[in-house]
Every structure is written in C-alpha cells, then in structure tokens.
C-alpha cells in the first residue's frame, strides 16, 4: 500500500443537482487537505455550512452540509490548489522518497487543474490552422461585439449592445425590472379589437366572421348555440 496519495486520471470537479433532502455529496478525486476543496451552490462559493471528510484519501471523500441544499440548486465540488513549490531539497541532504512522491503528486494535481480550466475555455479545434487569438485592447473592445475577421482572428465588431434592433414588444420586455414583470409582459392578452359588449349583445354568441374578425352574432343566441352543440348540428 502506497504511503502517499495516488493521483488517478480523473477530472477534479463534480457537479450535482440537489433534490432538497440530500446532505452528503461525494467528491471522487483526492485532495491534500480540506481547504483544497471549493464548494459552490449555484454560482456562490461557500465558506461555511458544510464539513469535508476524506482529505488525503486516494478515492476522495464527502461533503456534508448542515442543511440540505434546496431542490434544483447546482452543487459543484472542485479541487483548487494554490500552485506553489511544496518542498525544497538541500545540497547533499536527504532525498526521501515520500517527499519527492508528495511533490510529484501535487504537480500532477496542479496540471489536472490547469487542464480542467483549459477544457472549459474557448479553444481552436485540433485540426484548425493556427490563428492569433489575442483580444483587441480594452479601449477598442469596450462596448463592442466580439467578432472574427476573415482569417478567424478576434476583432472588436461594429455596433454595440445598446444599438441592437428590437421590436416594441421586445423593447417592453427588456425594460422589465424583474422576472415577475417580464412574465406579465409575456402573458399579456392580445388586443383583438373587439368592441365592449352592450345590452343589445346580451345572449349573443362571440363568433368569427369570414374575414377572421371577432364579433357578436345577434342571430345565434346563447341558448340556441348550446342546443345546436347538444344535437351535433
């Protein structure tokens, strides 16, 4: 049995969706100490409200929350190391296997961290020709769109977010300050240009004429309409 952590070929990140009752979440990758594990609820990094077990174990461990995360909340567990030299060997000093193994384990874990970050960033495909992917400087790209020129290199595109064309309906939606107001905009009833009913329309049936417009039918009374439906006419 090894006397140091075995760093396997595994991504140092695990994501769950909470069900509102589960409090224990497993991280299947090793960490050196509890502080190496970042715990997120949705996009918020947590500092308290949980405990970590399994530090120093090859197969990882568990995060135990004091209270179950709400249903639908994304629980993300991520190993995050401060990349720095962990040991130093003295001239003509001892060269202990455990120390060098620990250092190599840490370096491997740090490389996995960099690889995970790289996988989650924009990249050229393996078969794409070389391109200069340096962004335009801040003054040039401020308020502009990220675009690509004919060679596939990033440039500051013409126009700005504020200049996007929008219909009056979308403009009204974009002006909404919160989700509740937006839902009201999206569910607003369409104006069908129907005149308000009067006493003369009492008992009449709302109908659609050949032109597709709504109107009150003075001929087909409400009772007659129900009779026609009941007899299958």
C-alpha atoms as a PDB file:
ATOM      1  CA  UNK A   1       0.000   0.000   0.000  1.00  0.00           C
ATOM      2  CA  UNK A   2       1.406   3.396  -1.004  1.00  0.00           C
ATOM      3  CA  UNK A   3       2.266   5.906   1.716  1.00  0.00           C
ATOM      4  CA  UNK A   4       1.162   8.857  -0.415  1.00  0.00           C
ATOM      5  CA  UNK A   5      -1.910   9.885  -2.381  1.00  0.00           C
ATOM      6  CA  UNK A   6      -2.421   8.116  -5.692  1.00  0.00           C
ATOM      7  CA  UNK A   7      -3.463  10.744  -8.264  1.00  0.00           C
ATOM      8  CA  UNK A   8      -5.604   8.973 -10.849  1.00  0.00           C
ATOM      9  CA  UNK A   9      -6.714  10.150 -14.268  1.00  0.00           C
ATOM     10  CA  UNK A  10      -9.869  11.955 -13.145  1.00  0.00           C
ATOM     11  CA  UNK A  11     -11.262  15.444 -13.591  1.00  0.00           C
ATOM     12  CA  UNK A  12     -11.023  17.355 -10.285  1.00  0.00           C
ATOM     13  CA  UNK A  13     -14.606  18.549 -10.461  1.00  0.00           C
ATOM     14  CA  UNK A  14     -18.003  17.018  -9.657  1.00  0.00           C
ATOM     15  CA  UNK A  15     -21.428  18.574 -10.151  1.00  0.00           C
ATOM     16  CA  UNK A  16     -24.784  17.542  -8.708  1.00  0.00           C
ATOM     17  CA  UNK A  17     -28.324  18.914  -8.755  1.00  0.00           C
ATOM     18  CA  UNK A  18     -29.787  18.952  -5.238  1.00  0.00           C
ATOM     19  CA  UNK A  19     -33.125  17.321  -4.501  1.00  0.00           C
ATOM     20  CA  UNK A  20     -33.891  19.257  -1.322  1.00  0.00           C
ATOM     21  CA  UNK A  21     -33.223  16.345   1.048  1.00  0.00           C
ATOM     22  CA  UNK A  22     -29.693  15.078   0.288  1.00  0.00           C
ATOM     23  CA  UNK A  23     -26.976  16.434   2.583  1.00  0.00           C
ATOM     24  CA  UNK A  24     -23.997  14.188   1.646  1.00  0.00           C
ATOM     25  CA  UNK A  25     -22.226  14.711  -1.671  1.00  0.00           C
ATOM     26  CA  UNK A  26     -19.215  12.674  -2.807  1.00  0.00           C
ATOM     27  CA  UNK A  27     -16.133  14.076  -4.492  1.00  0.00           C
ATOM     28  CA  UNK A  28     -14.370  11.206  -6.361  1.00  0.00           C
ATOM     29  CA  UNK A  29     -10.929  12.813  -6.653  1.00  0.00           C
ATOM     30  CA  UNK A  30      -8.215  13.124  -3.978  1.00  0.00           C
ATOM     31  CA  UNK A  31      -7.432  16.322  -2.117  1.00  0.00           C
ATOM     32  CA  UNK A  32      -4.421  17.006   0.109  1.00  0.00           C
ATOM     33  CA  UNK A  33      -6.317  18.975   2.758  1.00  0.00           C
ATOM     34  CA  UNK A  34      -9.920  20.071   3.289  1.00  0.00           C
ATOM     35  CA  UNK A  35      -9.097  23.640   2.251  1.00  0.00           C
ATOM     36  CA  UNK A  36      -8.222  22.348  -1.246  1.00  0.00           C
ATOM     37  CA  UNK A  37     -11.922  21.717  -1.961  1.00  0.00           C
ATOM     38  CA  UNK A  38     -14.163  24.520  -3.208  1.00  0.00           C
ATOM     39  CA  UNK A  39     -17.897  24.091  -2.652  1.00  0.00           C
ATOM     40  CA  UNK A  40     -20.408  26.037  -4.756  1.00  0.00           C
ATOM     41  CA  UNK A  41     -24.176  26.319  -4.522  1.00  0.00           C
ATOM     42  CA  UNK A  42     -25.189  27.515  -7.974  1.00  0.00           C
ATOM     43  CA  UNK A  43     -22.586  30.246  -8.614  1.00  0.00           C
ATOM     44  CA  UNK A  44     -21.954  31.145  -4.960  1.00  0.00           C
ATOM     45  CA  UNK A  45     -18.720  29.900  -3.351  1.00  0.00           C
ATOM     46  CA  UNK A  46     -19.494  28.641   0.154  1.00  0.00           C
ATOM     47  CA  UNK A  47     -17.294  29.322   3.175  1.00  0.00           C
ATOM     48  CA  UNK A  48     -19.407  27.762   5.927  1.00  0.00           C
ATOM     49  CA  UNK A  49     -22.365  25.446   6.375  1.00  0.00           C
ATOM     50  CA  UNK A  50     -20.591  22.208   5.488  1.00  0.00           C
ATOM     51  CA  UNK A  51     -17.764  19.884   6.515  1.00  0.00           C
ATOM     52  CA  UNK A  52     -15.282  17.917   4.383  1.00  0.00           C
ATOM     53  CA  UNK A  53     -14.030  14.391   5.064  1.00  0.00           C
ATOM     54  CA  UNK A  54     -11.618  12.222   3.103  1.00  0.00           C
ATOM     55  CA  UNK A  55      -8.660  14.591   2.704  1.00  0.00           C
ATOM     56  CA  UNK A  56      -5.554  12.548   1.907  1.00  0.00           C
ATOM     57  CA  UNK A  57      -7.551   9.566   0.578  1.00  0.00           C
ATOM     58  CA  UNK A  58      -6.947   8.206  -2.923  1.00  0.00           C
ATOM     59  CA  UNK A  59     -10.641   7.986  -3.814  1.00  0.00           C
ATOM     60  CA  UNK A  60     -11.757  11.304  -2.363  1.00  0.00           C
ATOM     61  CA  UNK A  61     -14.414  11.743   0.285  1.00  0.00           C
ATOM     62  CA  UNK A  62     -17.649  13.538   1.123  1.00  0.00           C
ATOM     63  CA  UNK A  63     -19.042  16.983   1.757  1.00  0.00           C
ATOM     64  CA  UNK A  64     -21.704  17.047   4.479  1.00  0.00           C
ATOM     65  CA  UNK A  65     -23.984  20.088   4.501  1.00  0.00           C
ATOM     66  CA  UNK A  66     -25.505  21.280   7.757  1.00  0.00           C
ATOM     67  CA  UNK A  67     -28.797  21.721   5.873  1.00  0.00           C
ATOM     68  CA  UNK A  68     -29.794  20.142   2.571  1.00  0.00           C
ATOM     69  CA  UNK A  69     -29.395  22.499  -0.403  1.00  0.00           C
ATOM     70  CA  UNK A  70     -32.735  23.479  -1.930  1.00  0.00           C
ATOM     71  CA  UNK A  71     -34.140  21.355  -4.745  1.00  0.00           C
ATOM     72  CA  UNK A  72     -32.775  22.345  -8.142  1.00  0.00           C
ATOM     73  CA  UNK A  73     -29.660  24.038  -6.758  1.00  0.00           C
ATOM     74  CA  UNK A  74     -26.421  23.059  -8.536  1.00  0.00           C
ATOM     75  CA  UNK A  75     -23.828  21.680  -6.106  1.00  0.00           C
ATOM     76  CA  UNK A  76     -20.312  21.880  -7.553  1.00  0.00           C
ATOM     77  CA  UNK A  77     -17.265  20.400  -5.813  1.00  0.00           C
ATOM     78  CA  UNK A  78     -13.903  21.435  -7.219  1.00  0.00           C
ATOM     79  CA  UNK A  79     -10.304  20.849  -6.196  1.00  0.00           C
ATOM     80  CA  UNK A  80      -8.486  24.162  -6.271  1.00  0.00           C
ATOM     81  CA  UNK A  81      -4.799  24.270  -5.370  1.00  0.00           C
ATOM     82  CA  UNK A  82      -2.534  27.212  -4.742  1.00  0.00           C
ATOM     83  CA  UNK A  83       0.195  26.365  -7.233  1.00  0.00           C
ATOM     84  CA  UNK A  84       3.478  26.760  -5.348  1.00  0.00           C
ATOM     85  CA  UNK A  85       6.540  24.674  -4.551  1.00  0.00           C
ATOM     86  CA  UNK A  86       5.752  22.314  -1.671  1.00  0.00           C
ATOM     87  CA  UNK A  87       9.264  21.196  -0.719  1.00  0.00           C
ATOM     88  CA  UNK A  88      12.920  22.046  -1.193  1.00  0.00           C
ATOM     89  CA  UNK A  89      15.888  19.683  -1.281  1.00  0.00           C
ATOM     90  CA  UNK A  90      19.128  20.751   0.334  1.00  0.00           C
ATOM     91  CA  UNK A  91      22.503  20.287  -1.305  1.00  0.00           C
ATOM     92  CA  UNK A  92      23.897  16.901  -0.211  1.00  0.00           C
ATOM     93  CA  UNK A  93      20.826  16.483   2.008  1.00  0.00           C
ATOM     94  CA  UNK A  94      18.386  13.617   2.337  1.00  0.00           C
ATOM     95  CA  UNK A  95      16.355  12.708  -0.741  1.00  0.00           C
ATOM     96  CA  UNK A  96      13.384  10.909   0.784  1.00  0.00           C
ATOM     97  CA  UNK A  97      11.014   9.013  -1.483  1.00  0.00           C
ATOM     98  CA  UNK A  98       7.908  10.201   0.387  1.00  0.00           C
ATOM     99  CA  UNK A  99       8.848  13.855  -0.045  1.00  0.00           C
ATOM    100  CA  UNK A 100       9.502  13.548  -3.780  1.00  0.00           C
ATOM    101  CA  UNK A 101       6.336  11.473  -4.236  1.00  0.00           C
ATOM    102  CA  UNK A 102       4.275  14.131  -2.452  1.00  0.00           C
ATOM    103  CA  UNK A 103       5.815  16.823  -4.657  1.00  0.00           C
ATOM    104  CA  UNK A 104       5.111  14.869  -7.849  1.00  0.00           C
ATOM    105  CA  UNK A 105       1.547  14.158  -6.687  1.00  0.00           C
ATOM    106  CA  UNK A 106       0.985  17.858  -6.125  1.00  0.00           C
ATOM    107  CA  UNK A 107       2.418  18.752  -9.529  1.00  0.00           C
ATOM    108  CA  UNK A 108       0.175  16.174 -11.217  1.00  0.00           C
ATOM    109  CA  UNK A 109      -2.870  17.519  -9.395  1.00  0.00           C
ATOM    110  CA  UNK A 110      -1.927  21.079 -10.386  1.00  0.00           C
ATOM    111  CA  UNK A 111      -1.628  20.025 -14.042  1.00  0.00           C
ATOM    112  CA  UNK A 112      -5.071  18.407 -13.847  1.00  0.00           C
ATOM    113  CA  UNK A 113      -6.403  21.714 -12.514  1.00  0.00           C
ATOM    114  CA  UNK A 114      -4.877  23.613 -15.445  1.00  0.00           C
ATOM    115  CA  UNK A 115      -6.218  21.010 -17.896  1.00  0.00           C
ATOM    116  CA  UNK A 116      -9.726  21.322 -16.435  1.00  0.00           C
ATOM    117  CA  UNK A 117      -9.595  25.107 -16.723  1.00  0.00           C
ATOM    118  CA  UNK A 118      -8.381  24.794 -20.327  1.00  0.00           C
ATOM    119  CA  UNK A 119     -11.203  22.413 -21.272  1.00  0.00           C
ATOM    120  CA  UNK A 120     -13.707  24.992 -20.045  1.00  0.00           C
ATOM    121  CA  UNK A 121     -12.289  27.814 -22.166  1.00  0.00           C
ATOM    122  CA  UNK A 122     -12.592  28.760 -25.850  1.00  0.00           C
ATOM    123  CA  UNK A 123     -10.106  26.768 -27.922  1.00  0.00           C
ATOM    124  CA  UNK A 124      -9.213  26.092 -31.507  1.00  0.00           C
ATOM    125  CA  UNK A 125     -10.085  22.620 -32.702  1.00  0.00           C
ATOM    126  CA  UNK A 126      -7.224  20.168 -33.137  1.00  0.00           C
ATOM    127  CA  UNK A 127      -7.464  20.429 -36.933  1.00  0.00           C
ATOM    128  CA  UNK A 128      -7.869  24.213 -37.175  1.00  0.00           C
ATOM    129  CA  UNK A 129      -4.980  26.227 -38.675  1.00  0.00           C
ATOM    130  CA  UNK A 130      -3.043  28.463 -36.313  1.00  0.00           C
ATOM    131  CA  UNK A 131      -4.657  31.807 -35.512  1.00  0.00           C
ATOM    132  CA  UNK A 132      -3.772  34.832 -33.401  1.00  0.00           C
ATOM    133  CA  UNK A 133      -6.358  34.758 -30.613  1.00  0.00           C
ATOM    134  CA  UNK A 134      -5.182  37.844 -28.729  1.00  0.00           C
ATOM    135  CA  UNK A 135      -8.158  40.070 -27.902  1.00  0.00           C
ATOM    136  CA  UNK A 136      -8.184  43.706 -29.022  1.00  0.00           C
ATOM    137  CA  UNK A 137      -7.131  46.065 -26.237  1.00  0.00           C
ATOM    138  CA  UNK A 138      -9.684  47.353 -23.761  1.00  0.00           C
ATOM    139  CA  UNK A 139     -10.220  50.721 -25.440  1.00  0.00           C
ATOM    140  CA  UNK A 140     -11.037  49.037 -28.762  1.00  0.00           C
ATOM    141  CA  UNK A 141     -13.296  46.283 -27.426  1.00  0.00           C
ATOM    142  CA  UNK A 142     -15.198  48.293 -24.799  1.00  0.00           C
ATOM    143  CA  UNK A 143     -18.928  48.272 -25.587  1.00  0.00           C
ATOM    144  CA  UNK A 144     -18.389  46.373 -28.848  1.00  0.00           C
ATOM    145  CA  UNK A 145     -19.182  42.856 -30.023  1.00  0.00           C
ATOM    146  CA  UNK A 146     -16.601  40.075 -30.112  1.00  0.00           C
ATOM    147  CA  UNK A 147     -16.291  39.216 -33.800  1.00  0.00           C
ATOM    148  CA  UNK A 148     -13.875  37.368 -36.066  1.00  0.00           C
ATOM    149  CA  UNK A 149     -12.223  38.632 -39.213  1.00  0.00           C
ATOM    150  CA  UNK A 150     -11.789  36.714 -42.488  1.00  0.00           C
ATOM    151  CA  UNK A 151      -8.742  34.904 -41.036  1.00  0.00           C
ATOM    152  CA  UNK A 152     -10.643  33.800 -37.932  1.00  0.00           C
ATOM    153  CA  UNK A 153      -8.839  36.195 -35.591  1.00  0.00           C
ATOM    154  CA  UNK A 154     -10.820  38.063 -32.885  1.00  0.00           C
ATOM    155  CA  UNK A 155     -11.677  41.704 -33.543  1.00  0.00           C
ATOM    156  CA  UNK A 156     -13.920  44.322 -31.958  1.00  0.00           C
ATOM    157  CA  UNK A 157     -17.091  44.142 -34.037  1.00  0.00           C
ATOM    158  CA  UNK A 158     -19.022  47.175 -35.203  1.00  0.00           C
ATOM    159  CA  UNK A 159     -22.039  48.270 -33.208  1.00  0.00           C
ATOM    160  CA  UNK A 160     -22.823  47.910 -29.548  1.00  0.00           C
ATOM    161  CA  UNK A 161     -25.241  46.090 -27.314  1.00  0.00           C
ATOM    162  CA  UNK A 162     -27.228  49.288 -26.872  1.00  0.00           C
ATOM    163  CA  UNK A 163     -27.721  49.561 -30.626  1.00  0.00           C
ATOM    164  CA  UNK A 164     -29.415  46.197 -31.144  1.00  0.00           C
ATOM    165  CA  UNK A 165     -32.640  46.497 -33.157  1.00  0.00           C
ATOM    166  CA  UNK A 166     -35.708  45.427 -31.229  1.00  0.00           C
ATOM    167  CA  UNK A 167     -39.439  45.351 -31.843  1.00  0.00           C
ATOM    168  CA  UNK A 168     -41.661  47.399 -29.494  1.00  0.00           C
ATOM    169  CA  UNK A 169     -42.692  44.180 -27.734  1.00  0.00           C
ATOM    170  CA  UNK A 170     -39.080  43.121 -27.097  1.00  0.00           C
ATOM    171  CA  UNK A 171     -38.205  46.662 -26.014  1.00  0.00           C
ATOM    172  CA  UNK A 172     -41.008  46.483 -23.458  1.00  0.00           C
ATOM    173  CA  UNK A 173     -39.706  43.117 -22.278  1.00  0.00           C
ATOM    174  CA  UNK A 174     -36.128  44.398 -21.932  1.00  0.00           C
ATOM    175  CA  UNK A 175     -37.379  47.316 -19.843  1.00  0.00           C
ATOM    176  CA  UNK A 176     -38.905  44.973 -17.241  1.00  0.00           C
ATOM    177  CA  UNK A 177     -37.020  45.230 -13.961  1.00  0.00           C
ATOM    178  CA  UNK A 178     -37.671  41.707 -12.667  1.00  0.00           C
ATOM    179  CA  UNK A 179     -38.928  38.247 -13.616  1.00  0.00           C
ATOM    180  CA  UNK A 180     -42.461  38.858 -12.349  1.00  0.00           C
ATOM    181  CA  UNK A 181     -42.857  41.939 -14.568  1.00  0.00           C
ATOM    182  CA  UNK A 182     -41.385  40.047 -17.545  1.00  0.00           C
ATOM    183  CA  UNK A 183     -43.859  37.208 -17.043  1.00  0.00           C
ATOM    184  CA  UNK A 184     -46.651  39.760 -17.050  1.00  0.00           C
ATOM    185  CA  UNK A 185     -45.397  41.178 -20.332  1.00  0.00           C
ATOM    186  CA  UNK A 186     -45.097  37.724 -21.889  1.00  0.00           C
ATOM    187  CA  UNK A 187     -48.583  36.683 -20.772  1.00  0.00           C
ATOM    188  CA  UNK A 188     -50.333  39.949 -21.654  1.00  0.00           C
ATOM    189  CA  UNK A 189     -53.516  39.379 -23.644  1.00  0.00           C
ATOM    190  CA  UNK A 190     -53.588  40.373 -27.266  1.00  0.00           C
ATOM    191  CA  UNK A 191     -55.866  43.245 -28.238  1.00  0.00           C
ATOM    192  CA  UNK A 192     -58.466  41.618 -30.510  1.00  0.00           C
ATOM    193  CA  UNK A 193     -60.153  44.961 -31.344  1.00  0.00           C
ATOM    194  CA  UNK A 194     -63.488  43.724 -30.029  1.00  0.00           C
ATOM    195  CA  UNK A 195     -65.943  46.413 -29.053  1.00  0.00           C
ATOM    196  CA  UNK A 196     -67.119  46.273 -25.421  1.00  0.00           C
ATOM    197  CA  UNK A 197     -70.406  44.359 -25.089  1.00  0.00           C
ATOM    198  CA  UNK A 198     -73.676  46.262 -24.681  1.00  0.00           C
ATOM    199  CA  UNK A 199     -77.169  45.333 -23.543  1.00  0.00           C
ATOM    200  CA  UNK A 200     -78.030  44.641 -27.164  1.00  0.00           C
ATOM    201  CA  UNK A 201     -75.431  41.854 -27.215  1.00  0.00           C
ATOM    202  CA  UNK A 202     -76.951  40.022 -24.246  1.00  0.00           C
ATOM    203  CA  UNK A 203     -77.355  36.339 -25.051  1.00  0.00           C
ATOM    204  CA  UNK A 204     -75.412  36.665 -28.301  1.00  0.00           C
ATOM    205  CA  UNK A 205     -72.536  34.345 -29.181  1.00  0.00           C
ATOM    206  CA  UNK A 206     -68.995  35.565 -29.789  1.00  0.00           C
ATOM    207  CA  UNK A 207     -68.169  34.388 -33.296  1.00  0.00           C
ATOM    208  CA  UNK A 208     -65.532  34.683 -36.007  1.00  0.00           C
ATOM    209  CA  UNK A 209     -66.605  36.131 -39.339  1.00  0.00           C
ATOM    210  CA  UNK A 210     -65.203  35.004 -42.745  1.00  0.00           C
ATOM    211  CA  UNK A 211     -62.512  37.698 -42.522  1.00  0.00           C
ATOM    212  CA  UNK A 212     -61.272  36.232 -39.242  1.00  0.00           C
ATOM    213  CA  UNK A 213     -62.516  39.076 -37.031  1.00  0.00           C
ATOM    214  CA  UNK A 214     -64.336  38.522 -33.756  1.00  0.00           C
ATOM    215  CA  UNK A 215     -67.897  39.855 -33.450  1.00  0.00           C
ATOM    216  CA  UNK A 216     -71.112  39.299 -31.536  1.00  0.00           C
ATOM    217  CA  UNK A 217     -73.529  37.142 -33.514  1.00  0.00           C
ATOM    218  CA  UNK A 218     -77.036  38.521 -32.915  1.00  0.00           C
ATOM    219  CA  UNK A 219     -78.683  35.650 -34.795  1.00  0.00           C
ATOM    220  CA  UNK A 220     -77.257  32.662 -32.964  1.00  0.00           C
ATOM    221  CA  UNK A 221     -78.369  33.213 -29.370  1.00  0.00           C
ATOM    222  CA  UNK A 222     -76.578  31.592 -26.465  1.00  0.00           C
ATOM    223  CA  UNK A 223     -79.352  29.033 -25.784  1.00  0.00           C
ATOM    224  CA  UNK A 224     -79.682  28.090 -29.456  1.00  0.00           C
ATOM    225  CA  UNK A 225     -75.926  27.629 -29.687  1.00  0.00           C
ATOM    226  CA  UNK A 226     -75.940  25.150 -26.808  1.00  0.00           C
ATOM    227  CA  UNK A 227     -78.870  23.300 -28.343  1.00  0.00           C
ATOM    228  CA  UNK A 228     -77.055  23.025 -31.650  1.00  0.00           C
ATOM    229  CA  UNK A 229     -73.991  21.609 -29.878  1.00  0.00           C
ATOM    230  CA  UNK A 230     -76.067  19.097 -27.902  1.00  0.00           C
ATOM    231  CA  UNK A 231     -77.740  17.798 -31.077  1.00  0.00           C
ATOM    232  CA  UNK A 232     -74.489  17.693 -33.048  1.00  0.00           C
ATOM    233  CA  UNK A 233     -75.571  20.258 -35.642  1.00  0.00           C
END
